[in-house]
Amino acid sequence: MRITRYPGLSAFTLSALLALAVMLWNYVADVGIAGTGGAALALFGTFALTAAGILLVMTRLPGWARVTFKVLIALGLIGTSLAAFFLHAWIVLALLIVATVAFVISLIL
């Protein structure tokens, strides 16, 4: 399956993957939130968003499953963005805002 078939979801997945990489760095580096529960929660959230994006781009799912994943992605974006805001992880928050815009574009197209 071609990735260019879903440009919004592909951009969402790339943004979520970059947010995962930055959040992993925040979790292991000594930046003040290293090893905390909130950082672990945000790390798991970005991992779940990345996994859901890859699943939606690379596989053919039935309609009800795609809708379920899209609702869970929307909730995950809200929760993970809120966690990044409270952790003062501004780069992660900016990447999640980009991911949100890409996700909304994927809903429109």
PDB file of N, CA and C in Angstrom:
ATOM      1  N   MET A   1       0.847  -1.178   0.000  1.00  0.00           N
ATOM      2  CA  MET A   1       0.000   0.000   0.000  1.00  0.00           C
ATOM      3  C   MET A   1       0.891   1.240   0.000  1.00  0.00           C
ATOM      4  N   ARG A   2       0.544   2.206  -0.822  1.00  0.00           N
ATOM      5  CA  ARG A   2       1.336   3.424  -0.909  1.00  0.00           C
ATOM      6  C   ARG A   2       1.008   4.352   0.252  1.00  0.00           C
ATOM      7  N   ILE A   3       2.059   4.912   0.848  1.00  0.00           N
ATOM      8  CA  ILE A   3       1.877   5.834   1.962  1.00  0.00           C
ATOM      9  C   ILE A   3       1.269   7.144   1.480  1.00  0.00           C
ATOM     10  N   THR A   4       1.532   7.519   0.231  1.00  0.00           N
ATOM     11  CA  THR A   4       1.006   8.790  -0.277  1.00  0.00           C
ATOM     12  C   THR A   4      -0.509   8.768  -0.434  1.00  0.00           C
ATOM     13  N   ARG A   5      -1.117   7.625  -0.275  1.00  0.00           N
ATOM     14  CA  ARG A   5      -2.575   7.542  -0.333  1.00  0.00           C
ATOM     15  C   ARG A   5      -3.210   8.246   0.861  1.00  0.00           C
ATOM     16  N   TYR A   6      -2.505   8.299   1.962  1.00  0.00           N
ATOM     17  CA  TYR A   6      -2.992   8.947   3.179  1.00  0.00           C
ATOM     18  C   TYR A   6      -2.014  10.039   3.604  1.00  0.00           C
ATOM     19  N   PRO A   7      -1.994  11.181   2.926  1.00  0.00           N
ATOM     20  CA  PRO A   7      -0.988  12.204   3.270  1.00  0.00           C
ATOM     21  C   PRO A   7      -1.170  12.776   4.673  1.00  0.00           C
ATOM     22  N   GLY A   8      -2.415  12.969   5.117  1.00  0.00           N
ATOM     23  CA  GLY A   8      -2.652  13.505   6.456  1.00  0.00           C
ATOM     24  C   GLY A   8      -2.215  12.538   7.540  1.00  0.00           C
ATOM     25  N   LEU A   9      -2.577  11.267   7.368  1.00  0.00           N
ATOM     26  CA  LEU A   9      -2.179  10.265   8.360  1.00  0.00           C
ATOM     27  C   LEU A   9      -0.676  10.024   8.346  1.00  0.00           C
ATOM     28  N   SER A  10      -0.063  10.126   7.176  1.00  0.00           N
ATOM     29  CA  SER A  10       1.391   9.965   7.102  1.00  0.00           C
ATOM     30  C   SER A  10       2.096  11.105   7.830  1.00  0.00           C
ATOM     31  N   ALA A  11       1.615  12.325   7.635  1.00  0.00           N
ATOM     32  CA  ALA A  11       2.197  13.472   8.343  1.00  0.00           C
ATOM     33  C   ALA A  11       1.949  13.357   9.842  1.00  0.00           C
ATOM     34  N   PHE A  12       0.762  12.872  10.221  1.00  0.00           N
ATOM     35  CA  PHE A  12       0.460  12.648  11.639  1.00  0.00           C
ATOM     36  C   PHE A  12       1.426  11.638  12.240  1.00  0.00           C
ATOM     37  N   THR A  13       1.643  10.537  11.539  1.00  0.00           N
ATOM     38  CA  THR A  13       2.524   9.486  12.045  1.00  0.00           C
ATOM     39  C   THR A  13       3.956   9.984  12.178  1.00  0.00           C
ATOM     40  N   LEU A  14       4.418  10.743  11.204  1.00  0.00           N
ATOM     41  CA  LEU A  14       5.771  11.293  11.273  1.00  0.00           C
ATOM     42  C   LEU A  14       5.913  12.261  12.444  1.00  0.00           C
ATOM     43  N   SER A  15       4.924  13.118  12.654  1.00  0.00           N
ATOM     44  CA  SER A  15       4.971  14.056  13.783  1.00  0.00           C
ATOM     45  C   SER A  15       4.932  13.315  15.116  1.00  0.00           C
ATOM     46  N   ALA A  16       4.100  12.286  15.202  1.00  0.00           N
ATOM     47  CA  ALA A  16       4.028  11.500  16.434  1.00  0.00           C
ATOM     48  C   ALA A  16       5.339  10.762  16.685  1.00  0.00           C
ATOM     49  N   LEU A  17       5.971  10.274  15.625  1.00  0.00           N
ATOM     50  CA  LEU A  17       7.258   9.590  15.771  1.00  0.00           C
ATOM     51  C   LEU A  17       8.342  10.550  16.252  1.00  0.00           C
ATOM     52  N   LEU A  18       8.363  11.755  15.713  1.00  0.00           N
ATOM     53  CA  LEU A  18       9.324  12.759  16.182  1.00  0.00           C
ATOM     54  C   LEU A  18       9.048  13.145  17.636  1.00  0.00           C
ATOM     55  N   ALA A  19       7.768  13.268  18.003  1.00  0.00           N
ATOM     56  CA  ALA A  19       7.414  13.567  19.394  1.00  0.00           C
ATOM     57  C   ALA A  19       7.857  12.428  20.313  1.00  0.00           C
ATOM     58  N   LEU A  20       7.733  11.193  19.837  1.00  0.00           N
ATOM     59  CA  LEU A  20       8.194  10.043  20.615  1.00  0.00           C
ATOM     60  C   LEU A  20       9.698  10.116  20.845  1.00  0.00           C
ATOM     61  N   ALA A  21      10.453  10.457  19.810  1.00  0.00           N
ATOM     62  CA  ALA A  21      11.911  10.552  19.948  1.00  0.00           C
ATOM     63  C   ALA A  21      12.305  11.649  20.937  1.00  0.00           C
ATOM     64  N   VAL A  22      11.658  12.807  20.844  1.00  0.00           N
ATOM     65  CA  VAL A  22      11.977  13.907  21.760  1.00  0.00           C
ATOM     66  C   VAL A  22      11.549  13.551  23.180  1.00  0.00           C
ATOM     67  N   MET A  23      10.397  12.899  23.326  1.00  0.00           N
ATOM     68  CA  MET A  23       9.936  12.529  24.667  1.00  0.00           C
ATOM     69  C   MET A  23      10.838  11.466  25.279  1.00  0.00           C
ATOM     70  N   LEU A  24      11.351  10.555  24.464  1.00  0.00           N
ATOM     71  CA  LEU A  24      12.306   9.564  24.964  1.00  0.00           C
ATOM     72  C   LEU A  24      13.568  10.254  25.459  1.00  0.00           C
ATOM     73  N   TRP A  25      14.034  11.253  24.720  1.00  0.00           N
ATOM     74  CA  TRP A  25      15.200  12.022  25.165  1.00  0.00           C
ATOM     75  C   TRP A  25      14.884  12.749  26.478  1.00  0.00           C
ATOM     76  N   ASN A  26      13.702  13.344  26.585  1.00  0.00           N
ATOM     77  CA  ASN A  26      13.308  14.016  27.826  1.00  0.00           C
ATOM     78  C   ASN A  26      13.247  13.040  28.998  1.00  0.00           C
ATOM     79  N   TYR A  27      12.857  11.802  28.725  1.00  0.00           N
ATOM     80  CA  TYR A  27      12.720  10.816  29.789  1.00  0.00           C
ATOM     81  C   TYR A  27      14.073  10.330  30.296  1.00  0.00           C
ATOM     82  N   VAL A  28      15.057  10.198  29.410  1.00  0.00           N
ATOM     83  CA  VAL A  28      16.344   9.637  29.842  1.00  0.00           C
ATOM     84  C   VAL A  28      17.389  10.701  30.149  1.00  0.00           C
ATOM     85  N   ALA A  29      17.295  11.879  29.545  1.00  0.00           N
ATOM     86  CA  ALA A  29      18.282  12.936  29.791  1.00  0.00           C
ATOM     87  C   ALA A  29      17.930  13.675  31.079  1.00  0.00           C
ATOM     88  N   ASP A  30      18.907  14.331  31.638  1.00  0.00           N
ATOM     89  CA  ASP A  30      18.690  15.048  32.898  1.00  0.00           C
ATOM     90  C   ASP A  30      18.180  16.458  32.599  1.00  0.00           C
ATOM     91  N   VAL A  31      16.891  16.542  32.297  1.00  0.00           N
ATOM     92  CA  VAL A  31      16.285  17.834  31.967  1.00  0.00           C
ATOM     93  C   VAL A  31      15.239  18.252  33.005  1.00  0.00           C
ATOM     94  N   GLY A  32      15.202  17.583  34.131  1.00  0.00           N
ATOM     95  CA  GLY A  32      14.277  17.946  35.195  1.00  0.00           C
ATOM     96  C   GLY A  32      13.052  17.053  35.284  1.00  0.00           C
ATOM     97  N   ILE A  33      12.708  16.367  34.200  1.00  0.00           N
ATOM     98  CA  ILE A  33      11.553  15.471  34.236  1.00  0.00           C
ATOM     99  C   ILE A  33      11.974  14.025  33.998  1.00  0.00           C
ATOM    100  N   ALA A  34      13.276  13.785  34.003  1.00  0.00           N
ATOM    101  CA  ALA A  34      13.803  12.453  33.696  1.00  0.00           C
ATOM    102  C   ALA A  34      13.316  11.433  34.713  1.00  0.00           C
ATOM    103  N   GLY A  35      12.743  10.356  34.208  1.00  0.00           N
ATOM    104  CA  GLY A  35      12.339   9.250  35.054  1.00  0.00           C
ATOM    105  C   GLY A  35      11.075   9.469  35.858  1.00  0.00           C
ATOM    106  N   THR A  36      10.371  10.556  35.654  1.00  0.00           N
ATOM    107  CA  THR A  36       9.155  10.812  36.422  1.00  0.00           C
ATOM    108  C   THR A  36       7.979  10.052  35.818  1.00  0.00           C
ATOM    109  N   GLY A  37       6.944   9.909  36.612  1.00  0.00           N
ATOM    110  CA  GLY A  37       5.746   9.230  36.138  1.00  0.00           C
ATOM    111  C   GLY A  37       5.051   9.977  35.014  1.00  0.00           C
ATOM    112  N   GLY A  38       5.041  11.293  35.097  1.00  0.00           N
ATOM    113  CA  GLY A  38       4.420  12.089  34.040  1.00  0.00           C
ATOM    114  C   GLY A  38       5.147  11.953  32.719  1.00  0.00           C
ATOM    115  N   ALA A  39       6.471  11.919  32.777  1.00  0.00           N
ATOM    116  CA  ALA A  39       7.251  11.733  31.550  1.00  0.00           C
ATOM    117  C   ALA A  39       7.022  10.340  30.973  1.00  0.00           C
ATOM    118  N   ALA A  40       6.899   9.346  31.847  1.00  0.00           N
ATOM    119  CA  ALA A  40       6.619   7.992  31.375  1.00  0.00           C
ATOM    120  C   ALA A  40       5.236   7.922  30.733  1.00  0.00           C
ATOM    121  N   LEU A  41       4.267   8.612  31.310  1.00  0.00           N
ATOM    122  CA  LEU A  41       2.918   8.640  30.743  1.00  0.00           C
ATOM    123  C   LEU A  41       2.913   9.319  29.374  1.00  0.00           C
ATOM    124  N   ALA A  42       3.613  10.439  29.261  1.00  0.00           N
ATOM    125  CA  ALA A  42       3.693  11.131  27.971  1.00  0.00           C
ATOM    126  C   ALA A  42       4.458  10.290  26.950  1.00  0.00           C
ATOM    127  N   LEU A  43       5.478   9.580  27.401  1.00  0.00           N
ATOM    128  CA  LEU A  43       6.231   8.693  26.511  1.00  0.00           C
ATOM    129  C   LEU A  43       5.330   7.579  25.990  1.00  0.00           C
ATOM    130  N   PHE A  44       4.541   6.985  26.864  1.00  0.00           N
ATOM    131  CA  PHE A  44       3.603   5.942  26.442  1.00  0.00           C
ATOM    132  C   PHE A  44       2.549   6.513  25.499  1.00  0.00           C
ATOM    133  N   GLY A  45       2.077   7.726  25.780  1.00  0.00           N
ATOM    134  CA  GLY A  45       1.079   8.354  24.912  1.00  0.00           C
ATOM    135  C   GLY A  45       1.602   8.594  23.511  1.00  0.00           C
ATOM    136  N   THR A  46       2.829   9.090  23.410  1.00  0.00           N
ATOM    137  CA  THR A  46       3.400   9.313  22.080  1.00  0.00           C
ATOM    138  C   THR A  46       3.670   7.988  21.365  1.00  0.00           C
ATOM    139  N   PHE A  47       4.037   6.958  22.129  1.00  0.00           N
ATOM    140  CA  PHE A  47       4.221   5.640  21.521  1.00  0.00           C
ATOM    141  C   PHE A  47       2.898   5.105  20.984  1.00  0.00           C
ATOM    142  N   ALA A  48       1.828   5.245  21.767  1.00  0.00           N
ATOM    143  CA  ALA A  48       0.516   4.761  21.330  1.00  0.00           C
ATOM    144  C   ALA A  48       0.026   5.521  20.097  1.00  0.00           C
ATOM    145  N   LEU A  49       0.260   6.834  20.060  1.00  0.00           N
ATOM    146  CA  LEU A  49      -0.136   7.617  18.889  1.00  0.00           C
ATOM    147  C   LEU A  49       0.642   7.182  17.654  1.00  0.00           C
ATOM    148  N   THR A  50       1.937   6.951  17.814  1.00  0.00           N
ATOM    149  CA  THR A  50       2.756   6.499  16.690  1.00  0.00           C
ATOM    150  C   THR A  50       2.294   5.129  16.197  1.00  0.00           C
ATOM    151  N   ALA A  51       2.039   4.219  17.126  1.00  0.00           N
ATOM    152  CA  ALA A  51       1.598   2.871  16.747  1.00  0.00           C
ATOM    153  C   ALA A  51       0.245   2.914  16.035  1.00  0.00           C
ATOM    154  N   ALA A  52      -0.670   3.733  16.523  1.00  0.00           N
ATOM    155  CA  ALA A  52      -1.983   3.845  15.880  1.00  0.00           C
ATOM    156  C   ALA A  52      -1.860   4.444  14.485  1.00  0.00           C
ATOM    157  N   GLY A  53      -0.994   5.428  14.338  1.00  0.00           N
ATOM    158  CA  GLY A  53      -0.787   6.025  13.021  1.00  0.00           C
ATOM    159  C   GLY A  53      -0.202   5.030  12.033  1.00  0.00           C
ATOM    160  N   ILE A  54       0.784   4.271  12.474  1.00  0.00           N
ATOM    161  CA  ILE A  54       1.384   3.258  11.600  1.00  0.00           C
ATOM    162  C   ILE A  54       0.350   2.211  11.225  1.00  0.00           C
ATOM    163  N   LEU A  55      -0.464   1.806  12.183  1.00  0.00           N
ATOM    164  CA  LEU A  55      -1.496   0.807  11.919  1.00  0.00           C
ATOM    165  C   LEU A  55      -2.503   1.310  10.896  1.00  0.00           C
ATOM    166  N   LEU A  56      -2.928   2.559  11.017  1.00  0.00           N
ATOM    167  CA  LEU A  56      -3.910   3.097  10.075  1.00  0.00           C
ATOM    168  C   LEU A  56      -3.320   3.301   8.682  1.00  0.00           C
ATOM    169  N   VAL A  57      -2.047   3.657   8.603  1.00  0.00           N
ATOM    170  CA  VAL A  57      -1.435   3.897   7.292  1.00  0.00           C
ATOM    171  C   VAL A  57      -1.107   2.584   6.590  1.00  0.00           C
ATOM    172  N   MET A  58      -0.606   1.603   7.325  1.00  0.00           N
ATOM    173  CA  MET A  58      -0.061   0.404   6.694  1.00  0.00           C
ATOM    174  C   MET A  58      -1.045  -0.751   6.517  1.00  0.00           C
ATOM    175  N   THR A  59      -2.164  -0.743   7.216  1.00  0.00           N
ATOM    176  CA  THR A  59      -3.081  -1.880   7.126  1.00  0.00           C
ATOM    177  C   THR A  59      -4.437  -1.431   6.609  1.00  0.00           C
ATOM    178  N   ARG A  60      -5.181  -2.385   6.133  1.00  0.00           N
ATOM    179  CA  ARG A  60      -6.541  -2.135   5.675  1.00  0.00           C
ATOM    180  C   ARG A  60      -7.482  -2.672   6.762  1.00  0.00           C
ATOM    181  N   LEU A  61      -8.137  -1.760   7.443  1.00  0.00           N
ATOM    182  CA  LEU A  61      -9.025  -2.124   8.541  1.00  0.00           C
ATOM    183  C   LEU A  61     -10.472  -1.917   8.123  1.00  0.00           C
ATOM    184  N   PRO A  62     -11.404  -2.650   8.760  1.00  0.00           N
ATOM    185  CA  PRO A  62     -12.819  -2.373   8.490  1.00  0.00           C
ATOM    186  C   PRO A  62     -13.199  -0.975   8.985  1.00  0.00           C
ATOM    187  N   GLY A  63     -14.304  -0.463   8.493  1.00  0.00           N
ATOM    188  CA  GLY A  63     -14.715   0.905   8.809  1.00  0.00           C
ATOM    189  C   GLY A  63     -14.865   1.177  10.294  1.00  0.00           C
ATOM    190  N   TRP A  64     -15.466   0.243  11.034  1.00  0.00           N
ATOM    191  CA  TRP A  64     -15.682   0.467  12.464  1.00  0.00           C
ATOM    192  C   TRP A  64     -14.353   0.539  13.213  1.00  0.00           C
ATOM    193  N   ALA A  65     -13.368  -0.231  12.780  1.00  0.00           N
ATOM    194  CA  ALA A  65     -12.063  -0.213  13.452  1.00  0.00           C
ATOM    195  C   ALA A  65     -11.329   1.095  13.164  1.00  0.00           C
ATOM    196  N   ARG A  66     -11.435   1.592  11.924  1.00  0.00           N
ATOM    197  CA  ARG A  66     -10.802   2.875  11.589  1.00  0.00           C
ATOM    198  C   ARG A  66     -11.418   4.000  12.406  1.00  0.00           C
ATOM    199  N   VAL A  67     -12.740   3.986  12.542  1.00  0.00           N
ATOM    200  CA  VAL A  67     -13.412   5.026  13.330  1.00  0.00           C
ATOM    201  C   VAL A  67     -12.993   4.931  14.791  1.00  0.00           C
ATOM    202  N   THR A  68     -12.914   3.714  15.321  1.00  0.00           N
ATOM    203  CA  THR A  68     -12.497   3.524  16.711  1.00  0.00           C
ATOM    204  C   THR A  68     -11.084   4.059  16.930  1.00  0.00           C
ATOM    205  N   PHE A  69     -10.170   3.731  16.029  1.00  0.00           N
ATOM    206  CA  PHE A  69      -8.800   4.226  16.165  1.00  0.00           C
ATOM    207  C   PHE A  69      -8.733   5.738  16.036  1.00  0.00           C
ATOM    208  N   LYS A  70      -9.542   6.319  15.163  1.00  0.00           N
ATOM    209  CA  LYS A  70      -9.521   7.773  15.002  1.00  0.00           C
ATOM    210  C   LYS A  70     -10.056   8.477  16.248  1.00  0.00           C
ATOM    211  N   VAL A  71     -11.069   7.909  16.885  1.00  0.00           N
ATOM    212  CA  VAL A  71     -11.570   8.481  18.143  1.00  0.00           C
ATOM    213  C   VAL A  71     -10.508   8.356  19.229  1.00  0.00           C
ATOM    214  N   LEU A  72      -9.858   7.198  19.312  1.00  0.00           N
ATOM    215  CA  LEU A  72      -8.807   7.006  20.313  1.00  0.00           C
ATOM    216  C   LEU A  72      -7.610   7.914  20.048  1.00  0.00           C
ATOM    217  N   ILE A  73      -7.293   8.163  18.779  1.00  0.00           N
ATOM    218  CA  ILE A  73      -6.211   9.093  18.449  1.00  0.00           C
ATOM    219  C   ILE A  73      -6.570  10.495  18.913  1.00  0.00           C
ATOM    220  N   ALA A  74      -7.816  10.910  18.678  1.00  0.00           N
ATOM    221  CA  ALA A  74      -8.234  12.252  19.110  1.00  0.00           C
ATOM    222  C   ALA A  74      -8.115  12.391  20.626  1.00  0.00           C
ATOM    223  N   LEU A  75      -8.563  11.384  21.359  1.00  0.00           N
ATOM    224  CA  LEU A  75      -8.444  11.423  22.822  1.00  0.00           C
ATOM    225  C   LEU A  75      -6.982  11.378  23.257  1.00  0.00           C
ATOM    226  N   GLY A  76      -6.176  10.576  22.579  1.00  0.00           N
ATOM    227  CA  GLY A  76      -4.754  10.495  22.900  1.00  0.00           C
ATOM    228  C   GLY A  76      -4.022  11.794  22.631  1.00  0.00           C
ATOM    229  N   LEU A  77      -4.387  12.478  21.557  1.00  0.00           N
ATOM    230  CA  LEU A  77      -3.773  13.774  21.270  1.00  0.00           C
ATOM    231  C   LEU A  77      -4.095  14.787  22.360  1.00  0.00           C
ATOM    232  N   ILE A  78      -5.327  14.788  22.819  1.00  0.00           N
ATOM    233  CA  ILE A  78      -5.714  15.726  23.882  1.00  0.00           C
ATOM    234  C   ILE A  78      -4.943  15.417  25.165  1.00  0.00           C
ATOM    235  N   GLY A  79      -4.952  14.154  25.580  1.00  0.00           N
ATOM    236  CA  GLY A  79      -4.298  13.780  26.831  1.00  0.00           C
ATOM    237  C   GLY A  79      -2.789  13.945  26.805  1.00  0.00           C
ATOM    238  N   THR A  80      -2.160  13.534  25.723  1.00  0.00           N
ATOM    239  CA  THR A  80      -0.707  13.631  25.633  1.00  0.00           C
ATOM    240  C   THR A  80      -0.261  15.080  25.494  1.00  0.00           C
ATOM    241  N   SER A  81      -1.031  15.886  24.774  1.00  0.00           N
ATOM    242  CA  SER A  81      -0.705  17.316  24.674  1.00  0.00           C
ATOM    243  C   SER A  81      -0.823  17.989  26.032  1.00  0.00           C
ATOM    244  N   LEU A  82      -1.834  17.623  26.789  1.00  0.00           N
ATOM    245  CA  LEU A  82      -1.994  18.181  28.134  1.00  0.00           C
ATOM    246  C   LEU A  82      -0.832  17.761  29.035  1.00  0.00           C
ATOM    247  N   ALA A  83      -0.409  16.501  28.933  1.00  0.00           N
ATOM    248  CA  ALA A  83       0.741  16.038  29.721  1.00  0.00           C
ATOM    249  C   ALA A  83       2.015  16.774  29.316  1.00  0.00           C
ATOM    250  N   ALA A  84       2.216  16.976  28.018  1.00  0.00           N
ATOM    251  CA  ALA A  84       3.401  17.712  27.556  1.00  0.00           C
ATOM    252  C   ALA A  84       3.362  19.155  28.041  1.00  0.00           C
ATOM    253  N   PHE A  85       2.181  19.746  28.077  1.00  0.00           N
ATOM    254  CA  PHE A  85       2.047  21.116  28.578  1.00  0.00           C
ATOM    255  C   PHE A  85       2.426  21.186  30.054  1.00  0.00           C
ATOM    256  N   PHE A  86       1.905  20.263  30.850  1.00  0.00           N
ATOM    257  CA  PHE A  86       2.205  20.274  32.282  1.00  0.00           C
ATOM    258  C   PHE A  86       3.670  19.950  32.570  1.00  0.00           C
ATOM    259  N   LEU A  87       4.312  19.180  31.697  1.00  0.00           N
ATOM    260  CA  LEU A  87       5.728  18.848  31.871  1.00  0.00           C
ATOM    261  C   LEU A  87       6.658  19.920  31.314  1.00  0.00           C
ATOM    262  N   HIS A  88       6.095  20.937  30.684  1.00  0.00           N
ATOM    263  CA  HIS A  88       6.874  21.998  30.031  1.00  0.00           C
ATOM    264  C   HIS A  88       7.767  21.414  28.944  1.00  0.00           C
ATOM    265  N   ALA A  89       7.275  20.397  28.265  1.00  0.00           N
ATOM    266  CA  ALA A  89       7.980  19.783  27.134  1.00  0.00           C
ATOM    267  C   ALA A  89       7.475  20.471  25.867  1.00  0.00           C
ATOM    268  N   TRP A  90       7.989  21.675  25.623  1.00  0.00           N
ATOM    269  CA  TRP A  90       7.438  22.538  24.576  1.00  0.00           C
ATOM    270  C   TRP A  90       7.663  21.983  23.181  1.00  0.00           C
ATOM    271  N   ILE A  91       8.780  21.327  22.948  1.00  0.00           N
ATOM    272  CA  ILE A  91       9.026  20.758  21.618  1.00  0.00           C
ATOM    273  C   ILE A  91       8.033  19.633  21.345  1.00  0.00           C
ATOM    274  N   VAL A  92       7.801  18.803  22.346  1.00  0.00           N
ATOM    275  CA  VAL A  92       6.820  17.724  22.201  1.00  0.00           C
ATOM    276  C   VAL A  92       5.436  18.313  21.970  1.00  0.00           C
ATOM    277  N   LEU A  93       5.096  19.351  22.706  1.00  0.00           N
ATOM    278  CA  LEU A  93       3.793  19.990  22.531  1.00  0.00           C
ATOM    279  C   LEU A  93       3.651  20.564  21.123  1.00  0.00           C
ATOM    280  N   ALA A  94       4.699  21.202  20.616  1.00  0.00           N
ATOM    281  CA  ALA A  94       4.647  21.752  19.251  1.00  0.00           C
ATOM    282  C   ALA A  94       4.477  20.637  18.220  1.00  0.00           C
ATOM    283  N   LEU A  95       5.186  19.534  18.407  1.00  0.00           N
ATOM    284  CA  LEU A  95       5.044  18.414  17.477  1.00  0.00           C
ATOM    285  C   LEU A  95       3.656  17.788  17.563  1.00  0.00           C
ATOM    286  N   LEU A  96       3.075  17.758  18.747  1.00  0.00           N
ATOM    287  CA  LEU A  96       1.723  17.225  18.884  1.00  0.00           C
ATOM    288  C   LEU A  96       0.689  18.164  18.274  1.00  0.00           C
ATOM    289  N   ILE A  97       0.948  19.462  18.297  1.00  0.00           N
ATOM    290  CA  ILE A  97       0.051  20.404  17.616  1.00  0.00           C
ATOM    291  C   ILE A  97       0.123  20.179  16.108  1.00  0.00           C
ATOM    292  N   VAL A  98       1.328  19.973  15.588  1.00  0.00           N
ATOM    293  CA  VAL A  98       1.481  19.646  14.162  1.00  0.00           C
ATOM    294  C   VAL A  98       0.758  18.336  13.849  1.00  0.00           C
ATOM    295  N   ALA A  99       0.881  17.348  14.737  1.00  0.00           N
ATOM    296  CA  ALA A  99       0.195  16.071  14.541  1.00  0.00           C
ATOM    297  C   ALA A  99      -1.319  16.258  14.561  1.00  0.00           C
ATOM    298  N   THR A 100      -1.812  17.140  15.421  1.00  0.00           N
ATOM    299  CA  THR A 100      -3.247  17.403  15.475  1.00  0.00           C
ATOM    300  C   THR A 100      -3.739  18.038  14.179  1.00  0.00           C
ATOM    301  N   VAL A 101      -2.989  18.997  13.669  1.00  0.00           N
ATOM    302  CA  VAL A 101      -3.365  19.629  12.395  1.00  0.00           C
ATOM    303  C   VAL A 101      -3.366  18.590  11.274  1.00  0.00           C
ATOM    304  N   ALA A 102      -2.348  17.744  11.228  1.00  0.00           N
ATOM    305  CA  ALA A 102      -2.287  16.695  10.202  1.00  0.00           C
ATOM    306  C   ALA A 102      -3.439  15.709  10.364  1.00  0.00           C
ATOM    307  N   PHE A 103      -3.806  15.399  11.606  1.00  0.00           N
ATOM    308  CA  PHE A 103      -4.913  14.480  11.849  1.00  0.00           C
ATOM    309  C   PHE A 103      -6.232  15.089  11.387  1.00  0.00           C
ATOM    310  N   VAL A 104      -6.439  16.366  11.649  1.00  0.00           N
ATOM    311  CA  VAL A 104      -7.659  17.039  11.187  1.00  0.00           C
ATOM    312  C   VAL A 104      -7.697  17.062   9.661  1.00  0.00           C
ATOM    313  N   ILE A 105      -6.552  17.293   9.036  1.00  0.00           N
ATOM    314  CA  ILE A 105      -6.489  17.247   7.572  1.00  0.00           C
ATOM    315  C   ILE A 105      -6.856  15.854   7.070  1.00  0.00           C
ATOM    316  N   SER A 106      -6.405  14.816   7.774  1.00  0.00           N
ATOM    317  CA  SER A 106      -6.743  13.451   7.356  1.00  0.00           C
ATOM    318  C   SER A 106      -8.235  13.177   7.500  1.00  0.00           C
ATOM    319  N   LEU A 107      -8.885  13.830   8.444  1.00  0.00           N
ATOM    320  CA  LEU A 107     -10.331  13.656   8.589  1.00  0.00           C
ATOM    321  C   LEU A 107     -11.086  14.366   7.471  1.00  0.00           C
ATOM    322  N   ILE A 108     -10.541  15.473   7.000  1.00  0.00           N
ATOM    323  CA  ILE A 108     -11.200  16.244   5.949  1.00  0.00           C
ATOM    324  C   ILE A 108     -11.032  15.569   4.588  1.00  0.00           C
ATOM    325  N   LEU A 109      -9.830  15.060   4.310  1.00  0.00           N
ATOM    326  CA  LEU A 109      -9.566  14.452   2.994  1.00  0.00           C
ATOM    327  C   LEU A 109     -10.170  13.079   2.871  1.00  0.00           C
TER     328      LEU A 109
END
